[in-house]
Amino acid sequence: GDLLPADGIMIQGNDLKIDESSLTGESDQVKKSMDKDPMLLSGTHVMEGSGRMVVTAVGINSQTGIIFTLLGAGEGDEEKKVKKGK
């Protein structure tokens, strides 16, 4: 049930299954392995297993950050709204 806070590449894992429904909309859990699918994305939840990853992107540079920026909910937009309100 842990939320992944950053994007990364799995370097060690044991039967790792991830819920990527927040990004893809698909309710199926995705099995991750270092051989076939080592990418772990921020905003997804670990449902089973354990693992370690090397962080490759955080914040607005992560996949979740890019999606939020494209939808107009980036950090820069929030800062502009606060400045306009003052």
N, C-alpha and C. Protein backbone atom coordinates (compact mmCIF):
# COMPACT_ATOMS: atom_id res chain seq x y z
N GLY A 1 0.77 -1.20 0.00
CA GLY A 1 0.00 0.00 0.00
C GLY A 1 0.82 1.27 0.00
N ASP A 2 2.15 1.16 -0.07
CA ASP A 2 3.01 2.36 -0.06
C ASP A 2 2.88 3.12 -1.38
N LEU A 3 2.84 4.43 -1.28
CA LEU A 3 2.79 5.31 -2.44
C LEU A 3 4.22 5.62 -2.87
N LEU A 4 4.51 5.44 -4.15
CA LEU A 4 5.85 5.76 -4.64
C LEU A 4 5.97 7.27 -4.82
N PRO A 5 6.94 7.90 -4.17
CA PRO A 5 7.06 9.36 -4.22
C PRO A 5 7.85 9.88 -5.41
N ALA A 6 8.53 9.00 -6.16
CA ALA A 6 9.38 9.43 -7.27
C ALA A 6 9.43 8.36 -8.35
N ASP A 7 9.86 8.75 -9.54
CA ASP A 7 10.10 7.79 -10.62
C ASP A 7 11.45 7.13 -10.39
N GLY A 8 11.57 5.89 -10.84
CA GLY A 8 12.86 5.23 -10.70
C GLY A 8 12.93 3.93 -11.46
N ILE A 9 14.11 3.33 -11.41
CA ILE A 9 14.37 2.04 -12.03
C ILE A 9 14.65 1.04 -10.93
N MET A 10 13.94 -0.09 -10.96
CA MET A 10 14.09 -1.11 -9.94
C MET A 10 15.46 -1.77 -10.07
N ILE A 11 16.17 -1.87 -8.96
CA ILE A 11 17.47 -2.53 -8.95
C ILE A 11 17.44 -3.83 -8.15
N GLN A 12 16.37 -4.01 -7.36
CA GLN A 12 16.22 -5.23 -6.57
C GLN A 12 14.74 -5.39 -6.29
N GLY A 13 14.22 -6.60 -6.43
CA GLY A 13 12.80 -6.78 -6.17
C GLY A 13 12.44 -8.21 -5.86
N ASN A 14 11.32 -8.35 -5.14
CA ASN A 14 10.82 -9.66 -4.77
C ASN A 14 9.31 -9.69 -4.98
N ASP A 15 8.85 -10.29 -6.08
CA ASP A 15 7.43 -10.41 -6.41
C ASP A 15 6.70 -9.07 -6.28
N LEU A 16 7.23 -8.06 -6.89
CA LEU A 16 6.68 -6.71 -6.79
C LEU A 16 5.50 -6.53 -7.74
N LYS A 17 4.37 -6.13 -7.18
CA LYS A 17 3.18 -5.84 -7.99
C LYS A 17 2.74 -4.42 -7.66
N ILE A 18 2.49 -3.64 -8.72
CA ILE A 18 2.19 -2.22 -8.59
C ILE A 18 0.79 -1.93 -9.13
N ASP A 19 0.05 -1.07 -8.43
CA ASP A 19 -1.24 -0.59 -8.91
C ASP A 19 -0.99 0.74 -9.62
N GLU A 20 -1.06 0.73 -10.96
CA GLU A 20 -0.81 1.92 -11.76
C GLU A 20 -2.11 2.59 -12.22
N SER A 21 -3.22 2.29 -11.56
CA SER A 21 -4.52 2.81 -12.00
C SER A 21 -4.58 4.33 -11.93
N SER A 22 -3.82 4.96 -11.06
CA SER A 22 -3.84 6.42 -10.97
C SER A 22 -3.26 7.07 -12.23
N LEU A 23 -2.41 6.35 -12.96
CA LEU A 23 -1.82 6.88 -14.19
C LEU A 23 -2.49 6.35 -15.45
N THR A 24 -2.82 5.05 -15.44
CA THR A 24 -3.31 4.42 -16.66
C THR A 24 -4.82 4.22 -16.67
N GLY A 25 -5.45 4.19 -15.51
CA GLY A 25 -6.88 3.93 -15.44
C GLY A 25 -7.21 2.45 -15.43
N GLU A 26 -6.22 1.59 -15.62
CA GLU A 26 -6.44 0.15 -15.61
C GLU A 26 -6.36 -0.37 -14.18
N SER A 27 -7.31 -1.22 -13.80
CA SER A 27 -7.37 -1.69 -12.42
C SER A 27 -6.47 -2.90 -12.16
N ASP A 28 -5.89 -3.50 -13.19
CA ASP A 28 -5.03 -4.67 -13.00
C ASP A 28 -3.70 -4.26 -12.39
N GLN A 29 -3.20 -5.13 -11.50
CA GLN A 29 -1.88 -4.89 -10.92
C GLN A 29 -0.82 -5.31 -11.93
N VAL A 30 0.28 -4.56 -11.98
CA VAL A 30 1.35 -4.81 -12.93
C VAL A 30 2.53 -5.44 -12.20
N LYS A 31 2.96 -6.61 -12.68
CA LYS A 31 4.11 -7.27 -12.08
C LYS A 31 5.38 -6.63 -12.63
N LYS A 32 6.26 -6.23 -11.74
CA LYS A 32 7.51 -5.58 -12.13
C LYS A 32 8.68 -6.53 -11.92
N SER A 33 9.61 -6.52 -12.85
CA SER A 33 10.84 -7.30 -12.71
C SER A 33 11.97 -6.52 -13.35
N MET A 34 13.18 -6.82 -12.96
CA MET A 34 14.33 -6.10 -13.49
C MET A 34 14.55 -6.44 -14.96
N ASP A 35 14.08 -7.59 -15.41
CA ASP A 35 14.29 -8.01 -16.80
C ASP A 35 13.28 -7.40 -17.76
N LYS A 36 11.99 -7.43 -17.41
CA LYS A 36 10.94 -7.06 -18.36
C LYS A 36 10.42 -5.64 -18.19
N ASP A 37 10.10 -5.23 -16.98
CA ASP A 37 9.48 -3.92 -16.76
C ASP A 37 10.02 -3.30 -15.47
N PRO A 38 11.22 -2.69 -15.52
CA PRO A 38 11.84 -2.19 -14.29
C PRO A 38 11.43 -0.76 -13.89
N MET A 39 10.63 -0.06 -14.72
CA MET A 39 10.28 1.33 -14.41
C MET A 39 9.19 1.40 -13.33
N LEU A 40 9.45 2.18 -12.30
CA LEU A 40 8.50 2.45 -11.23
C LEU A 40 8.15 3.93 -11.31
N LEU A 41 6.85 4.24 -11.29
CA LEU A 41 6.41 5.61 -11.51
C LEU A 41 5.80 6.22 -10.26
N SER A 42 6.04 7.49 -10.05
CA SER A 42 5.49 8.19 -8.89
C SER A 42 3.96 8.22 -8.98
N GLY A 43 3.35 8.21 -7.83
CA GLY A 43 1.89 8.25 -7.77
C GLY A 43 1.24 6.88 -7.83
N THR A 44 2.04 5.83 -8.01
CA THR A 44 1.49 4.47 -8.04
C THR A 44 1.67 3.83 -6.66
N HIS A 45 0.93 2.75 -6.42
CA HIS A 45 0.96 2.09 -5.12
C HIS A 45 1.54 0.69 -5.22
N VAL A 46 2.37 0.33 -4.24
CA VAL A 46 2.89 -1.03 -4.14
C VAL A 46 1.81 -1.87 -3.49
N MET A 47 1.41 -2.96 -4.15
CA MET A 47 0.35 -3.81 -3.62
C MET A 47 0.90 -5.09 -3.01
N GLU A 48 1.95 -5.64 -3.58
CA GLU A 48 2.58 -6.87 -3.07
C GLU A 48 4.07 -6.79 -3.28
N GLY A 49 4.80 -7.54 -2.46
CA GLY A 49 6.23 -7.67 -2.63
C GLY A 49 7.02 -6.50 -2.07
N SER A 50 8.28 -6.48 -2.45
CA SER A 50 9.19 -5.42 -1.99
C SER A 50 10.24 -5.18 -3.05
N GLY A 51 10.92 -4.06 -2.93
CA GLY A 51 11.96 -3.75 -3.90
C GLY A 51 12.73 -2.50 -3.54
N ARG A 52 13.78 -2.27 -4.31
CA ARG A 52 14.60 -1.06 -4.19
C ARG A 52 14.73 -0.45 -5.57
N MET A 53 14.84 0.86 -5.60
CA MET A 53 14.97 1.53 -6.89
C MET A 53 15.96 2.67 -6.81
N VAL A 54 16.49 3.02 -7.98
CA VAL A 54 17.32 4.22 -8.12
C VAL A 54 16.39 5.31 -8.64
N VAL A 55 16.32 6.42 -7.93
CA VAL A 55 15.42 7.51 -8.30
C VAL A 55 15.97 8.21 -9.54
N THR A 56 15.07 8.41 -10.53
CA THR A 56 15.47 9.09 -11.77
C THR A 56 14.80 10.45 -11.94
N ALA A 57 13.64 10.67 -11.29
CA ALA A 57 12.95 11.96 -11.43
C ALA A 57 12.04 12.19 -10.23
N VAL A 58 11.95 13.46 -9.82
CA VAL A 58 11.07 13.84 -8.72
C VAL A 58 10.30 15.10 -9.10
N GLY A 59 9.24 15.38 -8.36
CA GLY A 59 8.49 16.62 -8.55
C GLY A 59 7.91 16.77 -9.94
N ILE A 60 8.07 17.96 -10.52
CA ILE A 60 7.48 18.23 -11.83
C ILE A 60 8.19 17.49 -12.96
N ASN A 61 9.34 16.90 -12.69
CA ASN A 61 10.05 16.13 -13.70
C ASN A 61 9.61 14.67 -13.75
N SER A 62 8.83 14.22 -12.76
CA SER A 62 8.34 12.84 -12.74
C SER A 62 7.14 12.71 -13.68
N GLN A 63 6.72 11.49 -13.96
CA GLN A 63 5.59 11.28 -14.86
C GLN A 63 4.32 11.94 -14.31
N THR A 64 4.10 11.83 -13.01
CA THR A 64 2.93 12.47 -12.41
C THR A 64 3.04 13.99 -12.52
N GLY A 65 4.22 14.54 -12.29
CA GLY A 65 4.43 15.98 -12.42
C GLY A 65 4.20 16.47 -13.83
N ILE A 66 4.64 15.69 -14.81
CA ILE A 66 4.43 16.06 -16.21
C ILE A 66 2.95 16.08 -16.55
N ILE A 67 2.22 15.08 -16.07
CA ILE A 67 0.77 15.02 -16.31
C ILE A 67 0.08 16.22 -15.68
N PHE A 68 0.42 16.53 -14.43
CA PHE A 68 -0.18 17.68 -13.75
C PHE A 68 0.13 18.98 -14.47
N THR A 69 1.36 19.11 -14.96
CA THR A 69 1.74 20.31 -15.70
C THR A 69 0.94 20.44 -16.98
N LEU A 70 0.77 19.33 -17.70
CA LEU A 70 -0.01 19.35 -18.94
C LEU A 70 -1.48 19.67 -18.68
N LEU A 71 -1.97 19.28 -17.52
CA LEU A 71 -3.36 19.56 -17.16
C LEU A 71 -3.53 20.96 -16.57
N GLY A 72 -2.44 21.69 -16.40
CA GLY A 72 -2.52 23.05 -15.88
C GLY A 72 -2.52 23.13 -14.38
N ALA A 73 -2.07 22.07 -13.71
CA ALA A 73 -2.05 22.08 -12.25
C ALA A 73 -0.62 22.05 -11.72
N GLY A 74 0.31 22.63 -12.47
CA GLY A 74 1.72 22.65 -12.07
C GLY A 74 1.97 23.63 -10.95
N GLU A 75 3.15 23.51 -10.34
CA GLU A 75 3.51 24.41 -9.25
C GLU A 75 3.56 25.86 -9.70
N GLY A 76 4.01 26.12 -10.90
CA GLY A 76 4.10 27.49 -11.42
C GLY A 76 2.73 28.14 -11.50
N ASP A 77 1.70 27.39 -11.89
CA ASP A 77 0.35 27.93 -11.97
C ASP A 77 -0.18 28.30 -10.60
N GLU A 78 0.11 27.47 -9.60
CA GLU A 78 -0.37 27.76 -8.25
C GLU A 78 0.29 29.03 -7.71
N GLU A 79 1.59 29.20 -8.00
CA GLU A 79 2.30 30.38 -7.54
C GLU A 79 1.73 31.63 -8.20
N LYS A 80 1.38 31.56 -9.47
CA LYS A 80 0.81 32.70 -10.17
C LYS A 80 -0.54 33.08 -9.57
N LYS A 81 -1.35 32.08 -9.20
CA LYS A 81 -2.65 32.34 -8.61
C LYS A 81 -2.52 33.05 -7.27
N VAL A 82 -1.52 32.64 -6.48
CA VAL A 82 -1.30 33.27 -5.17
C VAL A 82 -0.87 34.71 -5.37
N LYS A 83 0.00 34.99 -6.33
CA LYS A 83 0.48 36.36 -6.58
C LYS A 83 -0.66 37.24 -7.08
N LYS A 84 -1.54 36.70 -7.92
CA LYS A 84 -2.65 37.48 -8.43
C LYS A 84 -3.63 37.82 -7.31
N GLY A 85 -3.78 36.92 -6.35
CA GLY A 85 -4.71 37.14 -5.24
C GLY A 85 -4.25 38.23 -4.30
N LYS A 86 -2.96 38.52 -4.26
CA LYS A 86 -2.41 39.53 -3.34
C LYS A 86 -2.46 40.83 -4.00
